[in-house]
Amino acid sequence: MAVLLKTNPDELYYVVHPLFDEPEEKISADDLGTMKMSKSVKLALYALRGYLIIMGLLVSYHVVSLAIHHVMP
């Protein structure tokens, strides 16, 4: 289903809805390889990973602490 739009009498533009358009070939992520990162990006990602691990441990500790105090007041 195409819609004909006229903005200029010399130029015609066809607008095609994505559902009715021809499918395009997708790029496989397996063929891309690893992403090159600078040292500062790697350091920031390691810091983020460490932060998330520490927060997970603190939440686990808090849940266990609440469970123990709830069982043994």
Protein backbone atom coordinates (compact mmCIF):
# COMPACT_ATOMS: atom_id res chain seq x y z
CA MET A 1 0.00 0.00 0.00
CA ALA A 2 1.67 3.19 -1.13
CA VAL A 3 0.49 6.74 -0.68
CA LEU A 4 1.31 9.35 -3.27
CA LEU A 5 2.38 12.70 -1.83
CA LYS A 6 2.75 15.83 -3.93
CA THR A 7 4.92 18.63 -2.62
CA ASN A 8 6.33 19.83 -5.89
CA PRO A 9 4.74 19.02 -9.25
CA ASP A 10 8.12 17.82 -10.56
CA GLU A 11 8.91 15.55 -7.59
CA LEU A 12 6.86 12.56 -6.46
CA TYR A 13 7.49 10.76 -3.20
CA TYR A 14 6.00 7.40 -2.36
CA VAL A 15 5.54 6.66 1.33
CA VAL A 16 5.40 2.97 2.12
CA HIS A 17 4.30 1.69 5.52
CA PRO A 18 6.96 -0.59 7.08
CA LEU A 19 4.48 -3.47 7.37
CA PHE A 20 3.93 -3.43 3.62
CA ASP A 21 7.55 -2.81 2.63
CA GLU A 22 9.93 -5.48 1.38
CA PRO A 23 11.93 -7.08 4.23
CA GLU A 24 15.58 -6.12 4.36
CA GLU A 25 18.47 -8.42 5.04
CA LYS A 26 19.56 -8.33 8.67
CA ILE A 27 23.19 -8.14 9.74
CA SER A 28 24.45 -11.02 11.84
CA ALA A 29 26.07 -9.97 15.11
CA ASP A 30 28.31 -13.06 15.02
CA ASP A 31 30.34 -11.63 12.15
CA LEU A 32 31.06 -8.28 13.82
CA GLY A 33 33.80 -9.36 16.25
CA THR A 34 34.74 -7.63 19.48
CA MET A 35 34.33 -3.92 20.07
CA LYS A 36 37.43 -1.85 20.57
CA MET A 37 37.32 0.06 23.87
CA SER A 38 39.69 2.57 25.36
CA LYS A 39 41.24 2.02 28.77
CA SER A 40 38.96 4.60 30.40
CA VAL A 41 35.85 2.83 29.03
CA LYS A 42 37.09 -0.53 30.31
CA LEU A 43 37.84 0.99 33.70
CA ALA A 44 34.37 2.55 33.88
CA LEU A 45 32.71 -0.75 32.96
CA TYR A 46 34.74 -2.63 35.57
CA ALA A 47 33.82 0.01 38.16
CA LEU A 48 30.14 -0.35 37.22
CA ARG A 49 30.38 -4.14 37.47
CA GLY A 50 32.01 -3.87 40.89
CA TYR A 51 29.38 -1.40 42.07
CA LEU A 52 26.54 -3.67 40.96
CA ILE A 53 28.12 -6.70 42.64
CA ILE A 54 28.60 -4.78 45.89
CA MET A 55 25.01 -3.48 45.79
CA GLY A 56 23.74 -7.01 45.17
CA LEU A 57 25.74 -8.28 48.14
CA LEU A 58 24.42 -5.47 50.36
CA VAL A 59 20.83 -6.20 49.36
CA SER A 60 21.35 -9.92 50.01
CA TYR A 61 22.88 -9.16 53.40
CA HIS A 62 19.97 -6.88 54.28
CA VAL A 63 17.39 -9.50 53.26
CA VAL A 64 19.16 -12.21 55.28
CA SER A 65 19.47 -9.83 58.23
CA LEU A 66 15.75 -9.03 58.12
CA ALA A 67 14.89 -12.73 57.87
CA ILE A 68 17.07 -13.62 60.86
CA HIS A 69 15.70 -10.78 62.99
CA HIS A 70 12.15 -11.71 62.01
CA VAL A 71 12.65 -15.35 63.10
CA MET A 72 14.65 -14.52 66.25
CA PRO A 73 13.43 -11.25 67.72
